Amino acid sequence: MKNDEFKIILEDINEKFDIVIEGHKLLNEKLDRHIEEDRGEFKEIRNEISFVRKDVFELKQDVSVLKKDVTVLKQDVYVLKQDVSVLKQDVSVLKQDVSVLKQDVSELRVDLNDHRENTELHKGKKTDKAS
């Protein structure tokens, strides 16, 4: 009888091992599915990171070009400011020249009018004065 009891116990243990082995297989399958899903997600993330790195690299290049352009623009603005300063001085000189010319023209009118009056006195005839 002991032998029969021992066989029953061994069969019971064997069934429990089968259940544990089956559970272990199911767990392995579940882990394998998760590993495959994670691999796919990691691959997508790596691809996205690659695109972001590429975009960042291109943006850095663009910023570098923009910095150079800004430097050139600053230099151009500096030159333009100098040119404007020179133009302001030239305009100031021209204003003074125009003022002198106006004065000269005014003096010439006075001289012309005086000359006409003297000439008319000699001829006896009057003409309109220069304006």
C-alpha atoms as a PDB file:
ATOM      1  CA  MET A   1       0.000   0.000   0.000  1.00  0.00           C
ATOM      2  CA  LYS A   2       2.824   2.316   0.617  1.00  0.00           C
ATOM      3  CA  ASN A   3       3.908   1.866  -2.907  1.00  0.00           C
ATOM      4  CA  ASP A   4       0.468   2.935  -4.206  1.00  0.00           C
ATOM      5  CA  GLU A   5       0.408   5.988  -1.945  1.00  0.00           C
ATOM      6  CA  PHE A   6       3.876   6.887  -3.145  1.00  0.00           C
ATOM      7  CA  LYS A   7       2.727   6.613  -6.779  1.00  0.00           C
ATOM      8  CA  ILE A   8      -0.282   8.843  -6.062  1.00  0.00           C
ATOM      9  CA  ILE A   9       1.942  11.439  -4.407  1.00  0.00           C
ATOM     10  CA  LEU A  10       4.384  11.298  -7.317  1.00  0.00           C
ATOM     11  CA  GLU A  11       1.528  11.718  -9.804  1.00  0.00           C
ATOM     12  CA  ASP A  12       0.228  14.689  -7.794  1.00  0.00           C
ATOM     13  CA  ILE A  13       3.706  16.245  -7.743  1.00  0.00           C
ATOM     14  CA  ASN A  14       4.085  15.521 -11.439  1.00  0.00           C
ATOM     15  CA  GLU A  15       0.753  17.285 -12.194  1.00  0.00           C
ATOM     16  CA  LYS A  16       1.840  20.287 -10.117  1.00  0.00           C
ATOM     17  CA  PHE A  17       5.162  20.419 -12.011  1.00  0.00           C
ATOM     18  CA  ASP A  18       3.219  20.282 -15.271  1.00  0.00           C
ATOM     19  CA  ILE A  19       1.115  23.246 -14.066  1.00  0.00           C
ATOM     20  CA  VAL A  20       4.254  25.158 -13.039  1.00  0.00           C
ATOM     21  CA  ILE A  21       5.925  24.340 -16.362  1.00  0.00           C
ATOM     22  CA  GLU A  22       2.807  25.446 -18.271  1.00  0.00           C
ATOM     23  CA  GLY A  23       2.695  28.691 -16.240  1.00  0.00           C
ATOM     24  CA  HIS A  24       6.379  29.232 -16.947  1.00  0.00           C
ATOM     25  CA  LYS A  25       5.781  28.725 -20.698  1.00  0.00           C
ATOM     26  CA  LEU A  26       2.865  31.206 -20.658  1.00  0.00           C
ATOM     27  CA  LEU A  27       5.000  33.700 -18.757  1.00  0.00           C
ATOM     28  CA  ASN A  28       7.839  33.298 -21.279  1.00  0.00           C
ATOM     29  CA  GLU A  29       5.428  33.829 -24.179  1.00  0.00           C
ATOM     30  CA  LYS A  30       4.031  36.950 -22.524  1.00  0.00           C
ATOM     31  CA  LEU A  31       7.530  38.272 -21.884  1.00  0.00           C
ATOM     32  CA  ASP A  32       8.505  37.529 -25.491  1.00  0.00           C
ATOM     33  CA  ARG A  33       5.470  39.523 -26.737  1.00  0.00           C
ATOM     34  CA  HIS A  34       6.400  42.450 -24.507  1.00  0.00           C
ATOM     35  CA  ILE A  35      10.019  42.284 -25.633  1.00  0.00           C
ATOM     36  CA  GLU A  36       8.936  42.409 -29.297  1.00  0.00           C
ATOM     37  CA  GLU A  37       6.575  45.321 -28.612  1.00  0.00           C
ATOM     38  CA  ASP A  38       9.323  47.151 -26.721  1.00  0.00           C
ATOM     39  CA  ARG A  39      11.784  46.524 -29.548  1.00  0.00           C
ATOM     40  CA  GLY A  40       9.337  48.066 -32.011  1.00  0.00           C
ATOM     41  CA  GLU A  41       8.792  51.078 -29.753  1.00  0.00           C
ATOM     42  CA  PHE A  42      12.523  51.503 -29.188  1.00  0.00           C
ATOM     43  CA  LYS A  43      13.112  51.338 -32.936  1.00  0.00           C
ATOM     44  CA  GLU A  44      10.488  54.055 -33.501  1.00  0.00           C
ATOM     45  CA  ILE A  45      12.037  56.182 -30.753  1.00  0.00           C
ATOM     46  CA  ARG A  46      15.512  55.742 -32.258  1.00  0.00           C
ATOM     47  CA  ASN A  47      14.170  56.798 -35.663  1.00  0.00           C
ATOM     48  CA  GLU A  48      12.493  59.856 -34.142  1.00  0.00           C
ATOM     49  CA  ILE A  49      15.692  60.748 -32.294  1.00  0.00           C
ATOM     50  CA  SER A  50      17.609  60.444 -35.565  1.00  0.00           C
ATOM     51  CA  PHE A  51      15.168  62.817 -37.267  1.00  0.00           C
ATOM     52  CA  VAL A  52      15.385  65.252 -34.354  1.00  0.00           C
ATOM     53  CA  ARG A  53      19.188  65.120 -34.445  1.00  0.00           C
ATOM     54  CA  LYS A  54      19.125  65.804 -38.178  1.00  0.00           C
ATOM     55  CA  ASP A  55      16.736  68.725 -37.675  1.00  0.00           C
ATOM     56  CA  VAL A  56      18.865  70.110 -34.839  1.00  0.00           C
ATOM     57  CA  PHE A  57      21.985  69.847 -37.018  1.00  0.00           C
ATOM     58  CA  GLU A  58      20.244  71.692 -39.868  1.00  0.00           C
ATOM     59  CA  LEU A  59      18.963  74.331 -37.453  1.00  0.00           C
ATOM     60  CA  LYS A  60      22.470  74.839 -36.078  1.00  0.00           C
ATOM     61  CA  GLN A  61      23.743  75.359 -39.614  1.00  0.00           C
ATOM     62  CA  ASP A  62      20.927  77.817 -40.320  1.00  0.00           C
ATOM     63  CA  VAL A  63      21.686  79.716 -37.108  1.00  0.00           C
ATOM     64  CA  SER A  64      25.352  79.859 -38.076  1.00  0.00           C
ATOM     65  CA  VAL A  65      24.464  81.297 -41.485  1.00  0.00           C
ATOM     66  CA  LEU A  66      22.076  83.777 -39.853  1.00  0.00           C
ATOM     67  CA  LYS A  67      24.777  84.893 -37.424  1.00  0.00           C
ATOM     68  CA  LYS A  68      27.096  85.576 -40.359  1.00  0.00           C
ATOM     69  CA  ASP A  69      24.325  87.458 -42.161  1.00  0.00           C
ATOM     70  CA  VAL A  70      23.606  89.550 -39.050  1.00  0.00           C
ATOM     71  CA  THR A  71      27.307  90.382 -38.751  1.00  0.00           C
ATOM     72  CA  VAL A  72      27.367  91.523 -42.387  1.00  0.00           C
ATOM     73  CA  LEU A  73      24.170  93.529 -41.834  1.00  0.00           C
ATOM     74  CA  LYS A  74      25.660  95.212 -38.779  1.00  0.00           C
ATOM     75  CA  GLN A  75      28.692  96.195 -40.830  1.00  0.00           C
ATOM     76  CA  ASP A  76      26.441  97.513 -43.603  1.00  0.00           C
ATOM     77  CA  VAL A  77      24.422  99.536 -41.085  1.00  0.00           C
ATOM     78  CA  TYR A  78      27.626 101.007 -39.691  1.00  0.00           C
ATOM     79  CA  VAL A  79      28.747 102.033 -43.182  1.00  0.00           C
ATOM     80  CA  LEU A  80      25.292 103.460 -43.938  1.00  0.00           C
ATOM     81  CA  LYS A  81      25.370 105.493 -40.728  1.00  0.00           C
ATOM     82  CA  GLN A  82      28.707 106.935 -41.781  1.00  0.00           C
ATOM     83  CA  ASP A  83      27.328 107.691 -45.252  1.00  0.00           C
ATOM     84  CA  VAL A  84      24.276 109.398 -43.759  1.00  0.00           C
ATOM     85  CA  SER A  85      26.533 111.479 -41.545  1.00  0.00           C
ATOM     86  CA  VAL A  86      28.548 112.570 -44.590  1.00  0.00           C
ATOM     87  CA  LEU A  87      25.309 113.317 -46.494  1.00  0.00           C
ATOM     88  CA  LYS A  88      24.050 115.442 -43.598  1.00  0.00           C
ATOM     89  CA  GLN A  89      27.269 117.422 -43.697  1.00  0.00           C
ATOM     90  CA  ASP A  90      26.981 117.793 -47.483  1.00  0.00           C
ATOM     91  CA  VAL A  91      23.370 118.985 -47.162  1.00  0.00           C
ATOM     92  CA  SER A  92      24.425 121.481 -44.523  1.00  0.00           C
ATOM     93  CA  VAL A  93      27.144 122.826 -46.842  1.00  0.00           C
ATOM     94  CA  LEU A  94      24.646 122.938 -49.730  1.00  0.00           C
ATOM     95  CA  LYS A  95      22.182 124.894 -47.583  1.00  0.00           C
ATOM     96  CA  GLN A  96      24.899 127.389 -46.787  1.00  0.00           C
ATOM     97  CA  ASP A  97      25.800 127.621 -50.478  1.00  0.00           C
ATOM     98  CA  VAL A  98      22.149 128.155 -51.432  1.00  0.00           C
ATOM     99  CA  SER A  99      21.889 130.858 -48.797  1.00  0.00           C
ATOM    100  CA  VAL A 100      24.971 132.569 -50.240  1.00  0.00           C
ATOM    101  CA  LEU A 101      23.552 132.205 -53.765  1.00  0.00           C
ATOM    102  CA  LYS A 102      20.239 133.735 -52.662  1.00  0.00           C
ATOM    103  CA  GLN A 103      22.136 136.640 -51.129  1.00  0.00           C
ATOM    104  CA  ASP A 104      24.187 137.030 -54.319  1.00  0.00           C
ATOM    105  CA  VAL A 105      21.048 136.943 -56.499  1.00  0.00           C
ATOM    106  CA  SER A 106      19.421 139.501 -54.248  1.00  0.00           C
ATOM    107  CA  GLU A 107      22.463 141.750 -54.535  1.00  0.00           C
ATOM    108  CA  LEU A 108      22.516 141.263 -58.317  1.00  0.00           C
ATOM    109  CA  ARG A 109      18.845 142.328 -58.508  1.00  0.00           C
ATOM    110  CA  VAL A 110      19.595 145.444 -56.529  1.00  0.00           C
ATOM    111  CA  ASP A 111      22.597 146.204 -58.763  1.00  0.00           C
ATOM    112  CA  LEU A 112      20.528 145.511 -61.906  1.00  0.00           C
ATOM    113  CA  ASN A 113      17.705 147.735 -60.727  1.00  0.00           C
ATOM    114  CA  ASP A 114      20.201 150.497 -59.859  1.00  0.00           C
ATOM    115  CA  HIS A 115      21.818 150.114 -63.280  1.00  0.00           C
ATOM    116  CA  ARG A 116      18.420 150.314 -65.025  1.00  0.00           C
ATOM    117  CA  GLU A 117      17.479 153.415 -63.118  1.00  0.00           C
ATOM    118  CA  ASN A 118      20.756 155.076 -64.047  1.00  0.00           C
ATOM    119  CA  THR A 119      20.355 154.028 -67.674  1.00  0.00           C
ATOM    120  CA  GLU A 120      16.738 155.235 -67.792  1.00  0.00           C
ATOM    121  CA  LEU A 121      17.720 158.572 -66.370  1.00  0.00           C
ATOM    122  CA  HIS A 122      20.050 158.994 -69.318  1.00  0.00           C
ATOM    123  CA  LYS A 123      17.452 157.869 -71.870  1.00  0.00           C
ATOM    124  CA  GLY A 124      14.423 159.414 -70.245  1.00  0.00           C
ATOM    125  CA  LYS A 125      12.438 156.180 -70.504  1.00  0.00           C
ATOM    126  CA  LYS A 126      11.326 153.911 -67.604  1.00  0.00           C
ATOM    127  CA  THR A 127      11.086 150.089 -67.699  1.00  0.00           C
ATOM    128  CA  ASP A 128       9.863 147.559 -65.151  1.00  0.00           C
ATOM    129  CA  LYS A 129      12.222 146.743 -62.329  1.00  0.00           C
ATOM    130  CA  ALA A 130      13.749 143.254 -61.984  1.00  0.00           C
ATOM    131  CA  SER A 131      12.011 141.226 -59.339  1.00  0.00           C
END
